[in-house]
PDB file of N, CA and C in Angstrom:
ATOM      1  N   MET A   1     -39.128 -53.406  12.454  1.00  0.00           N
ATOM      2  CA  MET A   1     -38.220 -52.673  11.578  1.00  0.00           C
ATOM      3  C   MET A   1     -38.721 -51.244  11.450  1.00  0.00           C
ATOM      4  N   SER A   2     -37.796 -50.310  11.495  1.00  0.00           N
ATOM      5  CA  SER A   2     -38.158 -48.898  11.400  1.00  0.00           C
ATOM      6  C   SER A   2     -38.106 -48.424   9.942  1.00  0.00           C
ATOM      7  N   GLU A   3     -38.322 -47.138   9.764  1.00  0.00           N
ATOM      8  CA  GLU A   3     -38.245 -46.527   8.433  1.00  0.00           C
ATOM      9  C   GLU A   3     -36.787 -46.206   8.099  1.00  0.00           C
ATOM     10  N   VAL A   4     -36.467 -46.206   6.821  1.00  0.00           N
ATOM     11  CA  VAL A   4     -35.145 -45.778   6.372  1.00  0.00           C
ATOM     12  C   VAL A   4     -35.034 -44.281   6.591  1.00  0.00           C
ATOM     13  N   ARG A   5     -33.920 -43.865   7.164  1.00  0.00           N
ATOM     14  CA  ARG A   5     -33.708 -42.436   7.408  1.00  0.00           C
ATOM     15  C   ARG A   5     -32.336 -42.029   6.870  1.00  0.00           C
ATOM     16  N   ASP A   6     -32.262 -40.791   6.448  1.00  0.00           N
ATOM     17  CA  ASP A   6     -30.999 -40.212   6.010  1.00  0.00           C
ATOM     18  C   ASP A   6     -30.310 -39.621   7.237  1.00  0.00           C
ATOM     19  N   ASN A   7     -29.027 -39.900   7.395  1.00  0.00           N
ATOM     20  CA  ASN A   7     -28.220 -39.309   8.457  1.00  0.00           C
ATOM     21  C   ASN A   7     -27.111 -38.522   7.766  1.00  0.00           C
ATOM     22  N   PRO A   8     -27.415 -37.267   7.371  1.00  0.00           N
ATOM     23  CA  PRO A   8     -26.434 -36.498   6.598  1.00  0.00           C
ATOM     24  C   PRO A   8     -25.144 -36.219   7.358  1.00  0.00           C
ATOM     25  N   ALA A   9     -25.189 -36.158   8.679  1.00  0.00           N
ATOM     26  CA  ALA A   9     -23.977 -35.909   9.460  1.00  0.00           C
ATOM     27  C   ALA A   9     -22.969 -37.050   9.286  1.00  0.00           C
ATOM     28  N   LEU A  10     -23.460 -38.259   9.109  1.00  0.00           N
ATOM     29  CA  LEU A  10     -22.583 -39.420   8.920  1.00  0.00           C
ATOM     30  C   LEU A  10     -22.537 -39.889   7.468  1.00  0.00           C
ATOM     31  N   HIS A  11     -23.221 -39.174   6.567  1.00  0.00           N
ATOM     32  CA  HIS A  11     -23.244 -39.495   5.131  1.00  0.00           C
ATOM     33  C   HIS A  11     -23.706 -40.925   4.890  1.00  0.00           C
ATOM     34  N   ARG A  12     -24.876 -41.252   5.463  1.00  0.00           N
ATOM     35  CA  ARG A  12     -25.393 -42.598   5.269  1.00  0.00           C
ATOM     36  C   ARG A  12     -26.894 -42.654   5.502  1.00  0.00           C
ATOM     37  N   PHE A  13     -27.516 -43.635   4.833  1.00  0.00           N
ATOM     38  CA  PHE A  13     -28.902 -43.984   5.124  1.00  0.00           C
ATOM     39  C   PHE A  13     -28.856 -45.109   6.143  1.00  0.00           C
ATOM     40  N   GLU A  14     -29.851 -45.139   7.033  1.00  0.00           N
ATOM     41  CA  GLU A  14     -29.865 -46.112   8.121  1.00  0.00           C
ATOM     42  C   GLU A  14     -31.228 -46.788   8.213  1.00  0.00           C
ATOM     43  N   LEU A  15     -31.198 -48.051   8.634  1.00  0.00           N
ATOM     44  CA  LEU A  15     -32.418 -48.804   8.882  1.00  0.00           C
ATOM     45  C   LEU A  15     -32.194 -49.669  10.120  1.00  0.00           C
ATOM     46  N   ASP A  16     -32.979 -49.434  11.151  1.00  0.00           N
ATOM     47  CA  ASP A  16     -32.869 -50.185  12.400  1.00  0.00           C
ATOM     48  C   ASP A  16     -33.796 -51.396  12.379  1.00  0.00           C
ATOM     49  N   ALA A  17     -33.285 -52.520  12.901  1.00  0.00           N
ATOM     50  CA  ALA A  17     -34.094 -53.733  13.045  1.00  0.00           C
ATOM     51  C   ALA A  17     -33.500 -54.582  14.165  1.00  0.00           C
ATOM     52  N   ASP A  18     -34.330 -54.959  15.095  1.00  0.00           N
ATOM     53  CA  ASP A  18     -33.926 -55.866  16.175  1.00  0.00           C
ATOM     54  C   ASP A  18     -32.646 -55.443  16.884  1.00  0.00           C
ATOM     55  N   GLY A  19     -32.513 -54.158  17.166  1.00  0.00           N
ATOM     56  CA  GLY A  19     -31.359 -53.662  17.911  1.00  0.00           C
ATOM     57  C   GLY A  19     -30.093 -53.484  17.094  1.00  0.00           C
ATOM     58  N   HIS A  20     -30.180 -53.652  15.785  1.00  0.00           N
ATOM     59  CA  HIS A  20     -29.034 -53.482  14.894  1.00  0.00           C
ATOM     60  C   HIS A  20     -29.372 -52.408  13.858  1.00  0.00           C
ATOM     61  N   THR A  21     -28.327 -51.862  13.241  1.00  0.00           N
ATOM     62  CA  THR A  21     -28.533 -50.839  12.216  1.00  0.00           C
ATOM     63  C   THR A  21     -27.799 -51.220  10.938  1.00  0.00           C
ATOM     64  N   ALA A  22     -28.533 -51.297   9.843  1.00  0.00           N
ATOM     65  CA  ALA A  22     -27.955 -51.487   8.515  1.00  0.00           C
ATOM     66  C   ALA A  22     -27.740 -50.103   7.919  1.00  0.00           C
ATOM     67  N   VAL A  23     -26.638 -49.924   7.177  1.00  0.00           N
ATOM     68  CA  VAL A  23     -26.313 -48.600   6.651  1.00  0.00           C
ATOM     69  C   VAL A  23     -25.880 -48.672   5.188  1.00  0.00           C
ATOM     70  N   ALA A  24     -26.178 -47.598   4.466  1.00  0.00           N
ATOM     71  CA  ALA A  24     -25.708 -47.414   3.089  1.00  0.00           C
ATOM     72  C   ALA A  24     -24.980 -46.076   3.054  1.00  0.00           C
ATOM     73  N   HIS A  25     -23.653 -46.136   2.945  1.00  0.00           N
ATOM     74  CA  HIS A  25     -22.822 -44.931   2.944  1.00  0.00           C
ATOM     75  C   HIS A  25     -22.875 -44.250   1.576  1.00  0.00           C
ATOM     76  N   TYR A  26     -22.754 -42.936   1.581  1.00  0.00           N
ATOM     77  CA  TYR A  26     -22.794 -42.191   0.323  1.00  0.00           C
ATOM     78  C   TYR A  26     -21.939 -40.934   0.382  1.00  0.00           C
ATOM     79  N   ARG A  27     -21.677 -40.395  -0.807  1.00  0.00           N
ATOM     80  CA  ARG A  27     -21.093 -39.055  -0.973  1.00  0.00           C
ATOM     81  C   ARG A  27     -22.104 -38.260  -1.786  1.00  0.00           C
ATOM     82  N   LEU A  28     -22.320 -37.037  -1.393  1.00  0.00           N
ATOM     83  CA  LEU A  28     -23.258 -36.169  -2.105  1.00  0.00           C
ATOM     84  C   LEU A  28     -22.476 -35.023  -2.719  1.00  0.00           C
ATOM     85  N   ASP A  29     -22.630 -34.841  -4.023  1.00  0.00           N
ATOM     86  CA  ASP A  29     -21.936 -33.771  -4.735  1.00  0.00           C
ATOM     87  C   ASP A  29     -22.933 -33.133  -5.693  1.00  0.00           C
ATOM     88  N   GLY A  30     -23.442 -31.980  -5.289  1.00  0.00           N
ATOM     89  CA  GLY A  30     -24.443 -31.307  -6.108  1.00  0.00           C
ATOM     90  C   GLY A  30     -25.695 -32.157  -6.202  1.00  0.00           C
ATOM     91  N   GLY A  31     -26.098 -32.474  -7.414  1.00  0.00           N
ATOM     92  CA  GLY A  31     -27.308 -33.254  -7.628  1.00  0.00           C
ATOM     93  C   GLY A  31     -27.061 -34.736  -7.821  1.00  0.00           C
ATOM     94  N   VAL A  32     -25.853 -35.204  -7.437  1.00  0.00           N
ATOM     95  CA  VAL A  32     -25.509 -36.620  -7.621  1.00  0.00           C
ATOM     96  C   VAL A  32     -25.118 -37.227  -6.276  1.00  0.00           C
ATOM     97  N   ILE A  33     -25.727 -38.365  -5.968  1.00  0.00           N
ATOM     98  CA  ILE A  33     -25.378 -39.113  -4.766  1.00  0.00           C
ATOM     99  C   ILE A  33     -24.674 -40.393  -5.208  1.00  0.00           C
ATOM    100  N   THR A  34     -23.493 -40.633  -4.642  1.00  0.00           N
ATOM    101  CA  THR A  34     -22.714 -41.823  -4.968  1.00  0.00           C
ATOM    102  C   THR A  34     -22.751 -42.763  -3.775  1.00  0.00           C
ATOM    103  N   PHE A  35     -23.357 -43.927  -3.958  1.00  0.00           N
ATOM    104  CA  PHE A  35     -23.376 -44.930  -2.905  1.00  0.00           C
ATOM    105  C   PHE A  35     -22.044 -45.671  -2.933  1.00  0.00           C
ATOM    106  N   THR A  36     -21.361 -45.712  -1.786  1.00  0.00           N
ATOM    107  CA  THR A  36     -20.012 -46.266  -1.732  1.00  0.00           C
ATOM    108  C   THR A  36     -19.913 -47.608  -1.036  1.00  0.00           C
ATOM    109  N   HIS A  37     -20.795 -47.881  -0.076  1.00  0.00           N
ATOM    110  CA  HIS A  37     -20.692 -49.133   0.685  1.00  0.00           C
ATOM    111  C   HIS A  37     -21.982 -49.362   1.462  1.00  0.00           C
ATOM    112  N   THR A  38     -22.425 -50.603   1.493  1.00  0.00           N
ATOM    113  CA  THR A  38     -23.602 -50.972   2.278  1.00  0.00           C
ATOM    114  C   THR A  38     -23.186 -52.037   3.290  1.00  0.00           C
ATOM    115  N   GLU A  39     -23.656 -51.875   4.518  1.00  0.00           N
ATOM    116  CA  GLU A  39     -23.342 -52.841   5.576  1.00  0.00           C
ATOM    117  C   GLU A  39     -24.637 -53.309   6.238  1.00  0.00           C
ATOM    118  N   VAL A  40     -24.828 -54.615   6.257  1.00  0.00           N
ATOM    119  CA  VAL A  40     -25.946 -55.223   6.971  1.00  0.00           C
ATOM    120  C   VAL A  40     -25.337 -56.141   8.030  1.00  0.00           C
ATOM    121  N   PRO A  41     -25.609 -55.883   9.308  1.00  0.00           N
ATOM    122  CA  PRO A  41     -25.042 -56.738  10.354  1.00  0.00           C
ATOM    123  C   PRO A  41     -25.400 -58.208  10.131  1.00  0.00           C
ATOM    124  N   PRO A  42     -24.471 -59.121  10.447  1.00  0.00           N
ATOM    125  CA  PRO A  42     -24.727 -60.552  10.250  1.00  0.00           C
ATOM    126  C   PRO A  42     -26.032 -61.027  10.894  1.00  0.00           C
ATOM    127  N   ALA A  43     -26.399 -60.456  12.023  1.00  0.00           N
ATOM    128  CA  ALA A  43     -27.635 -60.869  12.705  1.00  0.00           C
ATOM    129  C   ALA A  43     -28.879 -60.583  11.869  1.00  0.00           C
ATOM    130  N   LEU A  44     -28.768 -59.677  10.887  1.00  0.00           N
ATOM    131  CA  LEU A  44     -29.915 -59.311  10.051  1.00  0.00           C
ATOM    132  C   LEU A  44     -29.852 -59.948   8.664  1.00  0.00           C
ATOM    133  N   SER A  45     -28.804 -60.681   8.402  1.00  0.00           N
ATOM    134  CA  SER A  45     -28.587 -61.259   7.084  1.00  0.00           C
ATOM    135  C   SER A  45     -29.714 -62.214   6.683  1.00  0.00           C
ATOM    136  N   GLY A  46     -30.058 -62.178   5.388  1.00  0.00           N
ATOM    137  CA  GLY A  46     -31.043 -63.098   4.838  1.00  0.00           C
ATOM    138  C   GLY A  46     -32.487 -62.759   5.139  1.00  0.00           C
ATOM    139  N   ARG A  47     -32.737 -61.554   5.640  1.00  0.00           N
ATOM    140  CA  ARG A  47     -34.098 -61.166   6.009  1.00  0.00           C
ATOM    141  C   ARG A  47     -34.658 -60.037   5.149  1.00  0.00           C
ATOM    142  N   GLY A  48     -33.948 -59.676   4.092  1.00  0.00           N
ATOM    143  CA  GLY A  48     -34.431 -58.615   3.211  1.00  0.00           C
ATOM    144  C   GLY A  48     -34.162 -57.215   3.730  1.00  0.00           C
ATOM    145  N   ILE A  49     -33.351 -57.098   4.778  1.00  0.00           N
ATOM    146  CA  ILE A  49     -33.062 -55.789   5.361  1.00  0.00           C
ATOM    147  C   ILE A  49     -32.273 -54.929   4.375  1.00  0.00           C
ATOM    148  N   GLY A  50     -31.294 -55.522   3.712  1.00  0.00           N
ATOM    149  CA  GLY A  50     -30.504 -54.773   2.731  1.00  0.00           C
ATOM    150  C   GLY A  50     -31.368 -54.242   1.606  1.00  0.00           C
ATOM    151  N   SER A  51     -32.280 -55.065   1.120  1.00  0.00           N
ATOM    152  CA  SER A  51     -33.185 -54.629   0.049  1.00  0.00           C
ATOM    153  C   SER A  51     -34.119 -53.524   0.534  1.00  0.00           C
ATOM    154  N   ALA A  52     -34.615 -53.639   1.753  1.00  0.00           N
ATOM    155  CA  ALA A  52     -35.477 -52.587   2.311  1.00  0.00           C
ATOM    156  C   ALA A  52     -34.707 -51.288   2.461  1.00  0.00           C
ATOM    157  N   LEU A  53     -33.443 -51.389   2.873  1.00  0.00           N
ATOM    158  CA  LEU A  53     -32.588 -50.206   2.997  1.00  0.00           C
ATOM    159  C   LEU A  53     -32.369 -49.566   1.625  1.00  0.00           C
ATOM    160  N   ALA A  54     -32.028 -50.375   0.631  1.00  0.00           N
ATOM    161  CA  ALA A  54     -31.805 -49.853  -0.723  1.00  0.00           C
ATOM    162  C   ALA A  54     -33.061 -49.174  -1.258  1.00  0.00           C
ATOM    163  N   ARG A  55     -34.203 -49.848  -1.125  1.00  0.00           N
ATOM    164  CA  ARG A  55     -35.469 -49.291  -1.612  1.00  0.00           C
ATOM    165  C   ARG A  55     -35.786 -47.960  -0.932  1.00  0.00           C
ATOM    166  N   GLY A  56     -35.649 -47.907   0.377  1.00  0.00           N
ATOM    167  CA  GLY A  56     -35.936 -46.675   1.107  1.00  0.00           C
ATOM    168  C   GLY A  56     -34.990 -45.547   0.738  1.00  0.00           C
ATOM    169  N   ALA A  57     -33.701 -45.886   0.584  1.00  0.00           N
ATOM    170  CA  ALA A  57     -32.719 -44.867   0.206  1.00  0.00           C
ATOM    171  C   ALA A  57     -33.004 -44.335  -1.195  1.00  0.00           C
ATOM    172  N   LEU A  58     -33.291 -45.234  -2.129  1.00  0.00           N
ATOM    173  CA  LEU A  58     -33.553 -44.815  -3.511  1.00  0.00           C
ATOM    174  C   LEU A  58     -34.853 -44.019  -3.618  1.00  0.00           C
ATOM    175  N   ASP A  59     -35.855 -44.379  -2.842  1.00  0.00           N
ATOM    176  CA  ASP A  59     -37.094 -43.594  -2.838  1.00  0.00           C
ATOM    177  C   ASP A  59     -36.830 -42.185  -2.299  1.00  0.00           C
ATOM    178  N   ASN A  60     -35.983 -42.087  -1.268  1.00  0.00           N
ATOM    179  CA  ASN A  60     -35.615 -40.783  -0.718  1.00  0.00           C
ATOM    180  C   ASN A  60     -34.883 -39.953  -1.773  1.00  0.00           C
ATOM    181  N   VAL A  61     -33.930 -40.580  -2.447  1.00  0.00           N
ATOM    182  CA  VAL A  61     -33.145 -39.910  -3.493  1.00  0.00           C
ATOM    183  C   VAL A  61     -34.062 -39.406  -4.601  1.00  0.00           C
ATOM    184  N   ARG A  62     -35.000 -40.252  -5.028  1.00  0.00           N
ATOM    185  CA  ARG A  62     -35.947 -39.848  -6.076  1.00  0.00           C
ATOM    186  C   ARG A  62     -36.751 -38.627  -5.626  1.00  0.00           C
ATOM    187  N   GLY A  63     -37.222 -38.641  -4.400  1.00  0.00           N
ATOM    188  CA  GLY A  63     -37.998 -37.527  -3.863  1.00  0.00           C
ATOM    189  C   GLY A  63     -37.223 -36.223  -3.808  1.00  0.00           C
ATOM    190  N   ARG A  64     -35.920 -36.329  -3.721  1.00  0.00           N
ATOM    191  CA  ARG A  64     -35.061 -35.137  -3.669  1.00  0.00           C
ATOM    192  C   ARG A  64     -34.570 -34.712  -5.051  1.00  0.00           C
ATOM    193  N   GLY A  65     -34.911 -35.472  -6.077  1.00  0.00           N
ATOM    194  CA  GLY A  65     -34.522 -35.123  -7.444  1.00  0.00           C
ATOM    195  C   GLY A  65     -33.049 -35.353  -7.737  1.00  0.00           C
ATOM    196  N   LEU A  66     -32.409 -36.275  -7.014  1.00  0.00           N
ATOM    197  CA  LEU A  66     -30.993 -36.551  -7.214  1.00  0.00           C
ATOM    198  C   LEU A  66     -30.793 -37.672  -8.229  1.00  0.00           C
ATOM    199  N   LYS A  67     -29.601 -37.734  -8.781  1.00  0.00           N
ATOM    200  CA  LYS A  67     -29.189 -38.841  -9.640  1.00  0.00           C
ATOM    201  C   LYS A  67     -28.242 -39.733  -8.844  1.00  0.00           C
ATOM    202  N   VAL A  68     -28.100 -40.986  -9.266  1.00  0.00           N
ATOM    203  CA  VAL A  68     -27.354 -41.985  -8.512  1.00  0.00           C
ATOM    204  C   VAL A  68     -26.163 -42.523  -9.299  1.00  0.00           C
ATOM    205  N   VAL A  69     -25.048 -42.675  -8.587  1.00  0.00           N
ATOM    206  CA  VAL A  69     -23.906 -43.448  -9.052  1.00  0.00           C
ATOM    207  C   VAL A  69     -23.726 -44.562  -8.029  1.00  0.00           C
ATOM    208  N   ALA A  70     -23.671 -45.804  -8.492  1.00  0.00           N
ATOM    209  CA  ALA A  70     -23.558 -46.947  -7.583  1.00  0.00           C
ATOM    210  C   ALA A  70     -22.142 -47.503  -7.622  1.00  0.00           C
ATOM    211  N   ARG A  71     -21.318 -47.079  -6.689  1.00  0.00           N
ATOM    212  CA  ARG A  71     -19.972 -47.644  -6.538  1.00  0.00           C
ATOM    213  C   ARG A  71     -20.014 -48.846  -5.595  1.00  0.00           C
ATOM    214  N   CYS A  72     -21.129 -49.001  -4.920  1.00  0.00           N
ATOM    215  CA  CYS A  72     -21.358 -50.099  -3.989  1.00  0.00           C
ATOM    216  C   CYS A  72     -21.956 -51.277  -4.767  1.00  0.00           C
ATOM    217  N   GLU A  73     -21.369 -52.461  -4.610  1.00  0.00           N
ATOM    218  CA  GLU A  73     -21.866 -53.634  -5.332  1.00  0.00           C
ATOM    219  C   GLU A  73     -23.313 -53.965  -4.974  1.00  0.00           C
ATOM    220  N   PHE A  74     -23.665 -53.821  -3.704  1.00  0.00           N
ATOM    221  CA  PHE A  74     -25.018 -54.179  -3.295  1.00  0.00           C
ATOM    222  C   PHE A  74     -26.050 -53.259  -3.943  1.00  0.00           C
ATOM    223  N   ILE A  75     -25.827 -51.946  -3.862  1.00  0.00           N
ATOM    224  CA  ILE A  75     -26.766 -50.990  -4.472  1.00  0.00           C
ATOM    225  C   ILE A  75     -26.785 -51.172  -5.990  1.00  0.00           C
ATOM    226  N   GLY A  76     -25.620 -51.384  -6.591  1.00  0.00           N
ATOM    227  CA  GLY A  76     -25.559 -51.633  -8.035  1.00  0.00           C
ATOM    228  C   GLY A  76     -26.358 -52.858  -8.432  1.00  0.00           C
ATOM    229  N   GLY A  77     -26.241 -53.929  -7.648  1.00  0.00           N
ATOM    230  CA  GLY A  77     -27.004 -55.148  -7.924  1.00  0.00           C
ATOM    231  C   GLY A  77     -28.495 -54.931  -7.754  1.00  0.00           C
ATOM    232  N   TYR A  78     -28.865 -54.170  -6.735  1.00  0.00           N
ATOM    233  CA  TYR A  78     -30.273 -53.879  -6.509  1.00  0.00           C
ATOM    234  C   TYR A  78     -30.836 -53.102  -7.700  1.00  0.00           C
ATOM    235  N   LEU A  79     -30.095 -52.107  -8.149  1.00  0.00           N
ATOM    236  CA  LEU A  79     -30.540 -51.313  -9.307  1.00  0.00           C
ATOM    237  C   LEU A  79     -30.664 -52.181 -10.558  1.00  0.00           C
ATOM    238  N   ALA A  80     -29.755 -53.117 -10.732  1.00  0.00           N
ATOM    239  CA  ALA A  80     -29.803 -53.999 -11.904  1.00  0.00           C
ATOM    240  C   ALA A  80     -31.043 -54.895 -11.884  1.00  0.00           C
ATOM    241  N   ARG A  81     -31.517 -55.248 -10.697  1.00  0.00           N
ATOM    242  CA  ARG A  81     -32.690 -56.132 -10.577  1.00  0.00           C
ATOM    243  C   ARG A  81     -34.012 -55.368 -10.510  1.00  0.00           C
ATOM    244  N   HIS A  82     -33.949 -54.053 -10.373  1.00  0.00           N
ATOM    245  CA  HIS A  82     -35.172 -53.255 -10.197  1.00  0.00           C
ATOM    246  C   HIS A  82     -35.197 -52.100 -11.202  1.00  0.00           C
ATOM    247  N   ALA A  83     -35.737 -52.406 -12.364  1.00  0.00           N
ATOM    248  CA  ALA A  83     -35.755 -51.437 -13.470  1.00  0.00           C
ATOM    249  C   ALA A  83     -36.547 -50.179 -13.124  1.00  0.00           C
ATOM    250  N   GLU A  84     -37.426 -50.241 -12.126  1.00  0.00           N
ATOM    251  CA  GLU A  84     -38.203 -49.054 -11.764  1.00  0.00           C
ATOM    252  C   GLU A  84     -37.331 -47.915 -11.229  1.00  0.00           C
ATOM    253  N   TYR A  85     -36.051 -48.207 -10.954  1.00  0.00           N
ATOM    254  CA  TYR A  85     -35.149 -47.157 -10.473  1.00  0.00           C
ATOM    255  C   TYR A  85     -34.139 -46.732 -11.539  1.00  0.00           C
ATOM    256  N   ALA A  86     -34.253 -47.255 -12.748  1.00  0.00           N
ATOM    257  CA  ALA A  86     -33.287 -46.961 -13.822  1.00  0.00           C
ATOM    258  C   ALA A  86     -33.183 -45.476 -14.128  1.00  0.00           C
ATOM    259  N   ASP A  87     -34.265 -44.737 -13.943  1.00  0.00           N
ATOM    260  CA  ASP A  87     -34.260 -43.306 -14.238  1.00  0.00           C
ATOM    261  C   ASP A  87     -33.360 -42.518 -13.297  1.00  0.00           C
ATOM    262  N   LEU A  88     -32.951 -43.120 -12.191  1.00  0.00           N
ATOM    263  CA  LEU A  88     -32.102 -42.423 -11.229  1.00  0.00           C
ATOM    264  C   LEU A  88     -30.632 -42.444 -11.606  1.00  0.00           C
ATOM    265  N   LEU A  89     -30.244 -43.376 -12.480  1.00  0.00           N
ATOM    266  CA  LEU A  89     -28.841 -43.517 -12.846  1.00  0.00           C
ATOM    267  C   LEU A  89     -28.356 -42.370 -13.708  1.00  0.00           C
ATOM    268  N   THR A  90     -27.099 -41.978 -13.472  1.00  0.00           N
ATOM    269  CA  THR A  90     -26.522 -40.886 -14.273  1.00  0.00           C
ATOM    270  C   THR A  90     -26.037 -41.423 -15.592  1.00  0.00           C
TER     271      THR A  90
END
């Protein structure tokens, strides 16, 4: 598994694993990033790839000083289970 990377040209964070790419789509407006949809290929399901993607994306966001709006159910659920990221919410 590779590192989570931001792909600003496609407005998404990406994580490669076993020849597949999991993505978390976003919109960036000023100092707020809105996560809109997360996709984990079926071949990667159940292996914690989505959680690794969320963690890497949120760590990147924190490092950039952005605030988060979670319109994506997966990212919203991750935030609800991980209080260490509560400070990122708008």
